[in-house]
Amino acid sequence: MFLSVFELFKIGIGPSSSHTMGPMTAAVRFLDEIAGGDWPRPAGAKVHRLTASLHGSLAYTGVGHGTDRAVVLGLTGLTPLTVDPDTVEAVLEEVVREKRVSPPGHPLYRFDPAADLVLDRKTPLPGHANGMAFCAWDKQGRMLLRRVYFSIGGGFVVSEEELQRLKAEGPVRGSGDKGVPYPFRTAKEMLAMAARSGLSVAAMKRANEEAHMPREELDAGLDRIWEAMRGCIERGIAREGIMPGGLKVKRRAARLHDRLLEDSTRNMPNPLLANDWLSVYAMAVNEENAAGGRVVTAPTNGAAGVVPAVLRYWLHFHVEADPASIRDFLLTAAAVGGIIKHNASISGAEVGCQGEVGSASAMAAAGLCAVMGGTPEQVENAAEIALEHHLGMTCDPVGGLVQVPCIERNALGAVKAVTAASLAIKGDGTHFVPLDAAIETMRQTGMDMNERYKETSLGGLAVNVVEC
């Protein structure tokens, strides 16, 4: 299956791609199924009421991740791309007050969030930790339609049937994506195609994208992605205050940013300058994400700060950086992200944070190595180094919020990405552990990982931080 750069980098809202954007998308998809009418119903029956239930990780950390709010917004017809973060509270208040939703193109449906949205922690849905069910009822209380969806990471949503097909295909499938000139599904295939064609990873990814869209459309889309990332950084370094959710965690990016600017005017020596800027950029993005602001999945919301931070670092510290290099960076990062998603997972609920921040760090390392002039072999090496040193990382958000340790974890993921790219560019591309082996190790580690450490907030820092 061809995975576009715009499927990995999706503009949406925080705080979570799998727990916020995914459920919102699933709710809209359910509305589309109701409207489509391609399902059996008794003669004359009309949908009067909607209900929804959240299961597994979505139930355990749904409130902290805003899953309940996302479902309500989705049932009003809003999508992650179209929702305005500044109007969310007003929309939610209206639904709670009126106990109904009125999505565009639909009649009014009864929907009382207090009664019709259930967080079911006792009944996991088989197939994936992020399961949810939507039901449509008539006025007599007969169920007319029930659909189950799974949010599988990065805002991707699949039905029960689609998930079964994905599992049947297996984690590693042979090459042969139809309709693209360079159908690599593994890093080994990617390197072989690069050697045969003489093209860079970015050039091959571009050719695959342009098989589906004109070059002008691709470049405009890449520019929009970077502008959304850049805008998120700018908002994050301009805002202060307490982030929502009850932990009373303070925003720090703005003050750190001001401190760095102040130090620069004094010409104070700072051997950690690059690391400090990387941290500020990454934390700015993830503080915006935690506050429910506009972000870009990269490849998830929980890891949204790593790629923008490393790209901003490239523009900040490298005089050779130009607009074309931004596009190459994103294309290279997406190529690596696609390989990881095809062969393992980018879902914290499935494999822990190694699949989120680990994947993001590998993508960023690959992108940076590429624009620094790295060969395909060096790019693959950079991604492997970054991913290898996130293996085993758990997902244990305190209070179910994407704040602690998530925000700082993005900063360290960005630092690791730059270090990995630097190490790789100084070598010749040969190395001991292939990227494919690191990806497979991540998958196996995630499968073996106890569920308590996979975005349920039942283990790790989530339960021990109160004792510190």
Protein backbone atom coordinates (compact mmCIF):
# COMPACT_ATOMS: atom_id res chain seq x y z
CA MET A 1 0.00 0.00 0.00
CA PHE A 2 1.45 3.36 -1.03
CA LEU A 3 1.71 5.68 1.97
CA SER A 4 1.85 9.33 1.02
CA VAL A 5 3.90 11.95 2.83
CA PHE A 6 0.57 13.65 3.58
CA GLU A 7 -0.71 10.57 5.38
CA LEU A 8 2.23 10.61 7.79
CA PHE A 9 2.26 14.41 8.13
CA LYS A 10 -1.36 15.39 8.79
CA ILE A 11 -2.46 18.80 10.03
CA GLY A 12 -4.82 18.47 12.98
CA ILE A 13 -5.20 19.34 16.65
CA GLY A 14 -3.80 18.06 19.93
CA PRO A 15 -3.27 16.43 22.24
CA SER A 16 -3.10 12.99 20.60
CA SER A 17 -3.23 11.65 17.05
CA SER A 18 -4.45 8.21 18.11
CA HIS A 19 -6.66 9.37 20.99
CA THR A 20 -7.95 12.69 19.60
CA MET A 21 -7.58 12.88 15.83
CA GLY A 22 -8.34 9.20 15.24
CA PRO A 23 -11.60 9.08 17.23
CA MET A 24 -12.74 12.35 15.66
CA THR A 25 -12.09 10.88 12.22
CA ALA A 26 -13.89 7.66 13.20
CA ALA A 27 -16.96 9.61 14.31
CA VAL A 28 -17.10 11.43 10.98
CA ARG A 29 -16.64 8.15 9.17
CA PHE A 30 -19.62 6.72 11.09
CA LEU A 31 -21.73 9.69 10.02
CA ASP A 32 -20.69 9.04 6.42
CA GLU A 33 -21.79 5.42 6.74
CA ILE A 34 -25.18 6.49 8.09
CA ALA A 35 -25.61 8.94 5.21
CA GLY A 36 -24.41 6.44 2.63
CA GLY A 37 -27.28 4.13 3.42
CA ASP A 38 -25.36 1.04 2.29
CA TRP A 39 -26.58 -1.01 5.25
CA PRO A 40 -29.78 -2.95 6.00
CA ARG A 41 -32.49 -1.25 8.00
CA PRO A 42 -36.19 -1.91 8.63
CA ALA A 43 -38.53 -0.23 6.16
CA GLY A 44 -39.20 3.36 7.19
CA ALA A 45 -36.76 3.29 10.09
CA LYS A 46 -34.88 6.53 10.73
CA VAL A 47 -31.88 7.23 12.90
CA HIS A 48 -32.96 9.14 15.99
CA ARG A 49 -30.14 8.68 18.50
CA LEU A 50 -26.38 8.06 18.44
CA THR A 51 -24.20 6.40 21.06
CA ALA A 52 -20.50 5.65 21.31
CA SER A 53 -18.24 3.57 23.56
CA LEU A 54 -14.46 3.77 24.03
CA HIS A 55 -12.43 0.69 24.90
CA GLY A 56 -8.92 -0.31 25.90
CA SER A 57 -6.39 2.51 25.99
CA LEU A 58 -9.00 4.96 24.71
CA ALA A 59 -11.06 4.27 27.82
CA TYR A 60 -8.16 4.35 30.27
CA THR A 61 -6.67 7.65 29.10
CA GLY A 62 -9.57 9.02 27.06
CA VAL A 63 -10.35 11.97 29.30
CA GLY A 64 -6.71 13.01 29.62
CA HIS A 65 -6.19 12.74 25.86
CA GLY A 66 -9.46 14.50 25.04
CA THR A 67 -10.94 11.42 23.36
CA ASP A 68 -14.41 12.07 24.75
CA ARG A 69 -14.32 15.62 23.41
CA ALA A 70 -12.98 14.44 20.06
CA VAL A 71 -15.88 12.02 19.59
CA VAL A 72 -18.39 14.76 20.33
CA LEU A 73 -16.70 17.11 17.86
CA GLY A 74 -16.60 14.39 15.23
CA LEU A 75 -20.31 13.67 15.63
CA THR A 76 -20.98 17.33 14.86
CA GLY A 77 -19.20 16.78 11.54
CA LEU A 78 -15.89 18.44 12.41
CA THR A 79 -12.62 16.84 11.26
CA PRO A 80 -9.09 17.31 12.64
CA LEU A 81 -8.30 19.51 9.65
CA THR A 82 -11.46 21.64 9.74
CA VAL A 83 -11.94 22.12 13.48
CA ASP A 84 -10.92 25.52 14.82
CA PRO A 85 -9.20 25.03 18.21
CA ASP A 86 -10.53 28.41 19.33
CA THR A 87 -14.19 27.34 18.88
CA VAL A 88 -13.98 23.87 20.43
CA GLU A 89 -15.33 24.87 23.85
CA ALA A 90 -18.37 26.61 22.36
CA VAL A 91 -19.23 23.60 20.21
CA LEU A 92 -18.91 21.21 23.14
CA GLU A 93 -20.99 23.42 25.42
CA GLU A 94 -23.77 23.57 22.86
CA VAL A 95 -23.92 19.78 22.49
CA VAL A 96 -23.98 19.28 26.27
CA ARG A 97 -26.71 21.91 26.63
CA GLU A 98 -28.92 20.79 23.74
CA LYS A 99 -28.19 17.04 24.09
CA ARG A 100 -28.11 16.65 20.33
CA VAL A 101 -25.85 16.98 17.32
CA SER A 102 -26.62 18.41 13.92
CA PRO A 103 -23.85 17.46 11.48
CA PRO A 104 -24.01 19.03 8.00
CA GLY A 105 -26.16 17.00 5.61
CA HIS A 106 -27.87 15.13 8.45
CA PRO A 107 -31.03 15.62 10.50
CA LEU A 108 -30.79 16.34 14.20
CA TYR A 109 -29.67 13.33 16.22
CA ARG A 110 -30.19 12.90 19.93
CA PHE A 111 -26.82 12.61 21.64
CA ASP A 112 -26.25 13.31 25.32
CA PRO A 113 -22.51 12.99 26.04
CA ALA A 114 -23.18 12.25 29.71
CA ALA A 115 -25.32 9.21 28.89
CA ASP A 116 -24.47 8.25 25.32
CA LEU A 117 -20.67 8.25 25.47
CA VAL A 118 -19.27 5.43 27.60
CA LEU A 119 -15.66 4.79 28.63
CA ASP A 120 -15.69 1.00 28.92
CA ARG A 121 -12.53 -0.17 30.70
CA LYS A 122 -13.81 -3.71 31.25
CA THR A 123 -14.48 -4.80 27.67
CA PRO A 124 -11.52 -4.43 25.33
CA LEU A 125 -12.28 -4.86 21.64
CA PRO A 126 -10.15 -7.61 20.10
CA GLY A 127 -7.64 -6.51 17.49
CA HIS A 128 -6.07 -3.33 18.85
CA ALA A 129 -5.80 -1.41 22.12
CA ASN A 130 -7.51 1.68 20.67
CA GLY A 131 -11.00 0.38 19.92
CA MET A 132 -14.31 2.25 19.74
CA ALA A 133 -17.88 1.39 18.78
CA PHE A 134 -20.60 3.66 17.38
CA CYS A 135 -24.30 2.81 17.26
CA ALA A 136 -27.33 4.38 15.59
CA TRP A 137 -30.79 3.83 17.08
CA ASP A 138 -34.34 4.58 15.95
CA LYS A 139 -36.98 6.31 18.07
CA GLN A 140 -38.26 2.98 19.40
CA GLY A 141 -34.81 2.08 20.74
CA ARG A 142 -33.92 -0.45 18.04
CA MET A 143 -30.26 -0.56 17.03
CA LEU A 144 -30.08 0.16 13.32
CA LEU A 145 -26.33 0.25 12.77
CA ARG A 146 -23.19 -0.61 14.75
CA ARG A 147 -19.66 -0.03 13.57
CA VAL A 148 -16.34 -0.73 15.29
CA TYR A 149 -13.22 1.25 14.44
CA PHE A 150 -9.63 1.17 15.65
CA SER A 151 -7.28 4.14 15.90
CA ILE A 152 -3.96 2.55 14.96
CA GLY A 153 -1.62 5.53 15.45
CA GLY A 154 -0.81 8.76 13.69
CA GLY A 155 -4.50 9.55 13.16
CA PHE A 156 -5.03 6.45 10.99
CA VAL A 157 -8.41 4.75 11.48
CA VAL A 158 -9.50 1.33 10.25
CA SER A 159 -12.68 -0.72 10.54
CA GLU A 160 -12.79 -4.25 11.96
CA GLU A 161 -12.62 -5.70 8.47
CA GLU A 162 -9.76 -3.44 7.41
CA LEU A 163 -7.76 -4.32 10.52
CA GLN A 164 -8.20 -8.03 9.83
CA ARG A 165 -6.93 -7.55 6.29
CA LEU A 166 -3.89 -5.64 7.55
CA LYS A 167 -3.08 -8.38 10.03
CA ALA A 168 -3.56 -11.08 7.40
CA GLU A 169 -1.05 -9.37 5.11
CA GLY A 170 1.61 -9.57 7.83
CA PRO A 171 4.11 -6.97 9.02
CA VAL A 172 6.52 -7.39 6.08
CA ARG A 173 5.06 -7.74 2.62
CA GLY A 174 6.86 -8.03 -0.66
CA SER A 175 7.53 -5.03 -2.82
CA GLY A 176 5.22 -4.26 -5.69
CA ASP A 177 3.10 -1.21 -4.85
CA LYS A 178 1.30 -0.59 -8.08
CA GLY A 179 1.35 2.86 -9.58
CA VAL A 180 4.68 4.07 -8.16
CA PRO A 181 8.12 3.74 -9.77
CA TYR A 182 10.04 2.94 -6.55
CA PRO A 183 7.87 0.63 -4.41
CA PHE A 184 10.15 0.00 -1.43
CA ARG A 185 8.64 -1.43 1.73
CA THR A 186 11.85 -2.13 3.60
CA ALA A 187 15.10 -0.23 4.06
CA LYS A 188 16.93 -2.99 2.21
CA GLU A 189 14.68 -2.51 -0.84
CA MET A 190 15.08 1.26 -0.56
CA LEU A 191 18.87 1.01 -0.66
CA ALA A 192 18.80 -1.45 -3.55
CA MET A 193 16.56 0.84 -5.60
CA ALA A 194 18.73 3.85 -4.78
CA ALA A 195 21.81 1.94 -5.96
CA ARG A 196 20.15 0.89 -9.22
CA SER A 197 18.63 4.28 -9.98
CA GLY A 198 21.39 6.55 -8.67
CA LEU A 199 18.68 8.61 -6.93
CA SER A 200 18.50 9.88 -3.38
CA VAL A 201 15.82 8.69 -0.97
CA ALA A 202 14.05 12.05 -1.34
CA ALA A 203 14.13 11.81 -5.15
CA MET A 204 12.61 8.33 -5.11
CA LYS A 205 9.93 9.38 -2.64
CA ARG A 206 9.19 12.43 -4.80
CA ALA A 207 8.82 10.25 -7.89
CA ASN A 208 6.37 8.01 -6.02
CA GLU A 209 4.35 11.02 -4.87
CA GLU A 210 4.33 12.57 -8.34
CA ALA A 211 2.82 9.37 -9.70
CA HIS A 212 -0.29 10.45 -7.79
CA MET A 213 -0.19 14.25 -8.02
CA PRO A 214 1.45 17.07 -10.02
CA ARG A 215 4.79 18.42 -8.79
CA GLU A 216 3.27 21.82 -8.05
CA GLU A 217 0.63 20.24 -5.82
CA LEU A 218 3.24 18.16 -4.01
CA ASP A 219 5.51 21.14 -3.36
CA ALA A 220 2.60 23.30 -2.21
CA GLY A 221 1.51 20.56 0.18
CA LEU A 222 5.00 20.14 1.59
CA ASP A 223 5.24 23.89 2.09
CA ARG A 224 1.90 23.85 3.94
CA ILE A 225 3.15 21.11 6.23
CA TRP A 226 6.27 23.08 7.11
CA GLU A 227 4.29 26.29 7.58
CA ALA A 228 1.98 24.50 10.01
CA MET A 229 4.99 23.11 11.88
CA ARG A 230 6.71 26.48 11.92
CA GLY A 231 3.54 28.20 13.08
CA CYS A 232 3.20 25.73 15.91
CA ILE A 233 6.76 26.48 17.05
CA GLU A 234 6.09 30.23 16.92
CA ARG A 235 2.89 29.92 18.97
CA GLY A 236 4.63 27.69 21.46
CA ILE A 237 7.49 30.10 22.12
CA ALA A 238 5.07 33.01 22.51
CA ARG A 239 2.69 31.55 25.08
CA GLU A 240 3.02 31.05 28.81
CA GLY A 241 0.72 29.75 31.52
CA ILE A 242 -0.58 26.46 32.85
CA MET A 243 -1.48 23.64 30.49
CA PRO A 244 -4.96 22.11 30.85
CA GLY A 245 -5.68 18.76 32.47
CA GLY A 246 -5.16 19.22 36.22
CA LEU A 247 -1.43 18.49 36.59
CA LYS A 248 -0.75 22.23 36.65
CA VAL A 249 2.30 21.80 34.43
CA LYS A 250 3.73 25.15 33.38
CA ARG A 251 4.70 26.01 29.84
CA ARG A 252 8.47 26.50 29.71
CA ALA A 253 9.34 26.99 26.05
CA ALA A 254 8.65 30.72 26.01
CA ARG A 255 10.90 31.48 28.97
CA LEU A 256 13.65 29.20 27.72
CA HIS A 257 13.43 30.92 24.34
CA ASP A 258 13.73 34.35 25.92
CA ARG A 259 16.68 33.16 28.02
CA LEU A 260 18.50 31.91 24.92
CA LEU A 261 17.90 35.21 23.14
CA GLU A 262 19.14 37.11 26.18
CA ASP A 263 22.29 35.00 26.39
CA SER A 264 22.99 35.59 22.70
CA THR A 265 22.96 39.38 23.17
CA ARG A 266 25.57 39.00 25.89
CA ASN A 267 27.78 36.82 23.70
CA MET A 268 27.90 34.28 26.50
CA PRO A 269 29.66 31.04 25.53
CA ASN A 270 27.28 28.06 25.47
CA PRO A 271 28.72 24.70 24.39
CA LEU A 272 25.20 23.24 24.48
CA LEU A 273 23.65 25.94 22.30
CA ALA A 274 22.35 23.63 19.56
CA ASN A 275 20.85 21.23 22.11
CA ASP A 276 19.17 24.10 23.92
CA TRP A 277 17.54 25.38 20.74
CA LEU A 278 16.45 21.88 19.76
CA SER A 279 14.82 21.47 23.15
CA VAL A 280 13.03 24.82 22.96
CA TYR A 281 11.63 24.09 19.51
CA ALA A 282 10.45 20.59 20.42
CA MET A 283 8.94 21.66 23.73
CA ALA A 284 7.14 24.59 22.07
CA VAL A 285 5.38 22.19 19.71
CA ASN A 286 4.43 19.69 22.37
CA GLU A 287 3.19 22.35 24.76
CA GLU A 288 0.90 23.54 21.97
CA ASN A 289 -0.16 19.95 21.40
CA ALA A 290 -0.89 19.42 25.10
CA ALA A 291 -3.07 22.52 25.04
CA GLY A 292 -5.11 21.19 22.11
CA GLY A 293 -3.60 23.54 19.54
CA ARG A 294 -2.95 23.08 15.82
CA VAL A 295 -0.13 20.59 15.20
CA VAL A 296 1.14 18.20 12.53
CA THR A 297 1.39 14.47 13.16
CA ALA A 298 5.06 13.60 12.73
CA PRO A 299 4.27 10.73 12.74
CA THR A 300 2.00 11.16 15.78
CA ASN A 301 0.87 14.06 17.97
CA GLY A 302 2.67 12.70 21.01
CA ALA A 303 5.90 12.85 19.00
CA ALA A 304 4.99 15.94 16.99
CA GLY A 305 7.89 18.07 18.23
CA VAL A 306 10.88 16.05 17.04
CA VAL A 307 10.75 16.54 13.26
CA PRO A 308 9.88 20.28 13.39
CA ALA A 309 12.61 20.89 15.98
CA VAL A 310 15.30 19.20 13.89
CA LEU A 311 14.14 20.92 10.72
CA ARG A 312 14.13 24.30 12.48
CA TYR A 313 17.61 23.49 13.82
CA TRP A 314 18.73 22.85 10.21
CA LEU A 315 17.45 26.25 9.14
CA HIS A 316 18.89 27.94 12.22
CA PHE A 317 22.43 26.55 12.24
CA HIS A 318 23.21 25.60 8.63
CA VAL A 319 23.82 28.41 6.17
CA GLU A 320 23.25 26.10 3.18
CA ALA A 321 19.61 25.48 4.19
CA ASP A 322 17.04 26.60 1.60
CA PRO A 323 13.34 25.93 0.75
CA ALA A 324 14.22 22.99 -1.50
CA SER A 325 16.07 21.31 1.36
CA ILE A 326 12.96 21.57 3.55
CA ARG A 327 11.03 19.53 1.02
CA ASP A 328 13.82 16.97 0.72
CA PHE A 329 13.96 16.69 4.51
CA LEU A 330 10.22 15.98 4.75
CA LEU A 331 10.24 13.52 1.84
CA THR A 332 13.16 11.58 3.31
CA ALA A 333 11.60 11.53 6.76
CA ALA A 334 8.31 10.30 5.29
CA ALA A 335 10.07 7.52 3.39
CA VAL A 336 11.58 6.20 6.62
CA GLY A 337 8.34 6.72 8.54
CA GLY A 338 6.46 4.71 5.94
CA ILE A 339 8.88 1.80 6.27
CA ILE A 340 8.45 1.83 10.06
CA LYS A 341 4.66 1.97 9.87
CA HIS A 342 4.48 -0.82 7.26
CA ASN A 343 6.72 -3.17 9.23
CA ALA A 344 6.05 -2.30 12.87
CA SER A 345 3.88 0.45 14.39
CA ILE A 346 3.82 4.13 15.25
CA SER A 347 1.15 3.62 17.93
CA GLY A 348 2.08 4.11 21.57
CA ALA A 349 -0.89 1.95 22.57
CA GLU A 350 0.53 -0.88 20.48
CA VAL A 351 4.32 -0.74 20.97
CA GLY A 352 4.97 2.00 23.54
CA CYS A 353 6.75 5.30 23.05
CA GLN A 354 9.51 3.64 21.03
CA GLY A 355 6.94 3.65 18.22
CA GLU A 356 6.20 7.34 18.65
CA VAL A 357 9.25 9.34 19.73
CA GLY A 358 11.55 6.56 18.51
CA SER A 359 10.00 6.63 15.04
CA ALA A 360 10.00 10.42 14.98
CA SER A 361 13.66 10.54 15.94
CA ALA A 362 14.56 8.07 13.19
CA MET A 363 12.59 10.09 10.63
CA ALA A 364 14.22 13.36 11.72
CA ALA A 365 17.70 11.82 11.71
CA ALA A 366 17.17 10.53 8.19
CA GLY A 367 15.87 13.88 6.97
CA LEU A 368 18.76 15.82 8.50
CA CYS A 369 21.38 13.41 7.21
CA ALA A 370 19.89 13.70 3.71
CA VAL A 371 19.98 17.49 3.55
CA MET A 372 23.50 17.49 4.98
CA GLY A 373 24.56 15.61 1.87
CA GLY A 374 24.33 12.05 3.16
CA THR A 375 24.18 9.11 0.80
CA PRO A 376 21.19 6.71 0.99
CA GLU A 377 23.39 4.36 3.04
CA GLN A 378 24.23 7.15 5.50
CA VAL A 379 20.57 8.17 5.69
CA GLU A 380 19.57 4.59 6.54
CA ASN A 381 22.36 4.48 9.13
CA ALA A 382 21.18 7.71 10.75
CA ALA A 383 17.64 6.40 11.06
CA GLU A 384 18.89 3.14 12.56
CA ILE A 385 21.06 4.85 15.15
CA ALA A 386 18.20 7.07 16.30
CA LEU A 387 15.68 4.23 16.47
CA GLU A 388 18.04 1.75 18.12
CA HIS A 389 18.52 4.03 21.10
CA HIS A 390 14.80 4.35 21.75
CA LEU A 391 14.12 0.60 21.77
CA GLY A 392 12.12 -0.49 24.80
CA MET A 393 10.84 3.00 25.63
CA THR A 394 7.48 2.76 27.38
CA CYS A 395 4.45 5.01 27.04
CA ASP A 396 3.46 6.05 30.57
CA PRO A 397 1.80 9.49 30.49
CA VAL A 398 1.11 10.83 33.96
CA GLY A 399 -2.60 11.40 34.45
CA GLY A 400 -3.24 10.20 30.91
CA LEU A 401 -2.09 13.59 29.66
CA VAL A 402 0.41 14.14 26.84
CA GLN A 403 2.58 16.29 29.12
CA VAL A 404 4.83 14.32 31.50
CA PRO A 405 7.16 12.82 30.31
CA CYS A 406 6.03 13.43 26.73
CA ILE A 407 7.10 17.06 26.26
CA GLU A 408 10.69 16.63 27.45
CA ARG A 409 10.86 13.25 25.72
CA ASN A 410 10.39 15.04 22.38
CA ALA A 411 13.28 17.37 23.22
CA LEU A 412 15.59 14.42 23.89
CA GLY A 413 14.33 12.67 20.76
CA ALA A 414 15.35 15.69 18.71
CA VAL A 415 18.81 15.78 20.32
CA LYS A 416 19.28 12.07 19.58
CA ALA A 417 18.21 12.63 15.97
CA VAL A 418 20.85 15.30 15.39
CA THR A 419 23.50 13.18 17.09
CA ALA A 420 22.53 10.18 14.96
CA ALA A 421 22.72 12.20 11.74
CA SER A 422 26.10 13.61 12.74
CA LEU A 423 27.50 10.16 13.50
CA ALA A 424 26.17 8.72 10.25
CA ILE A 425 27.41 11.55 8.02
CA LYS A 426 30.92 11.06 9.39
CA GLY A 427 30.88 7.39 8.43
CA ASP A 428 30.69 5.67 5.06
CA GLY A 429 27.25 4.15 5.54
CA THR A 430 28.39 0.71 6.61
CA HIS A 431 27.22 -0.37 10.03
CA PHE A 432 26.47 -3.47 12.08
CA VAL A 433 22.68 -3.31 12.69
CA PRO A 434 20.44 -2.74 9.63
CA LEU A 435 17.49 -0.38 10.01
CA ASP A 436 15.14 -3.25 9.14
CA ALA A 437 16.51 -5.24 12.09
CA ALA A 438 15.95 -2.31 14.46
CA ILE A 439 12.37 -1.93 13.18
CA GLU A 440 11.65 -5.62 13.62
CA THR A 441 13.16 -5.48 17.10
CA MET A 442 10.87 -2.58 17.94
CA ARG A 443 7.88 -4.57 16.75
CA GLN A 444 8.82 -7.65 18.77
CA THR A 445 9.62 -5.57 21.85
CA GLY A 446 6.26 -3.84 21.57
CA MET A 447 4.43 -7.15 21.30
CA ASP A 448 6.23 -8.42 24.42
CA MET A 449 5.73 -5.20 26.38
CA ASN A 450 3.25 -5.37 29.25
CA GLU A 451 0.02 -3.49 28.49
CA ARG A 452 0.59 -1.39 31.61
CA TYR A 453 3.38 0.40 29.75
CA LYS A 454 1.51 1.04 26.51
CA GLU A 455 -0.49 4.26 26.90
CA THR A 456 -2.83 2.98 29.58
CA SER A 457 -1.25 5.07 32.37
CA LEU A 458 -1.27 1.95 34.55
CA GLY A 459 2.51 1.67 34.97
CA GLY A 460 5.80 3.52 34.94
CA LEU A 461 5.86 7.23 35.75
CA ALA A 462 2.07 7.33 35.56
CA VAL A 463 1.79 5.46 38.86
CA ASN A 464 5.12 6.28 40.54
CA VAL A 465 5.44 10.01 40.07
CA VAL A 466 3.12 10.75 43.01
CA GLU A 467 5.61 9.02 45.30
CA CYS A 468 8.53 11.22 44.25
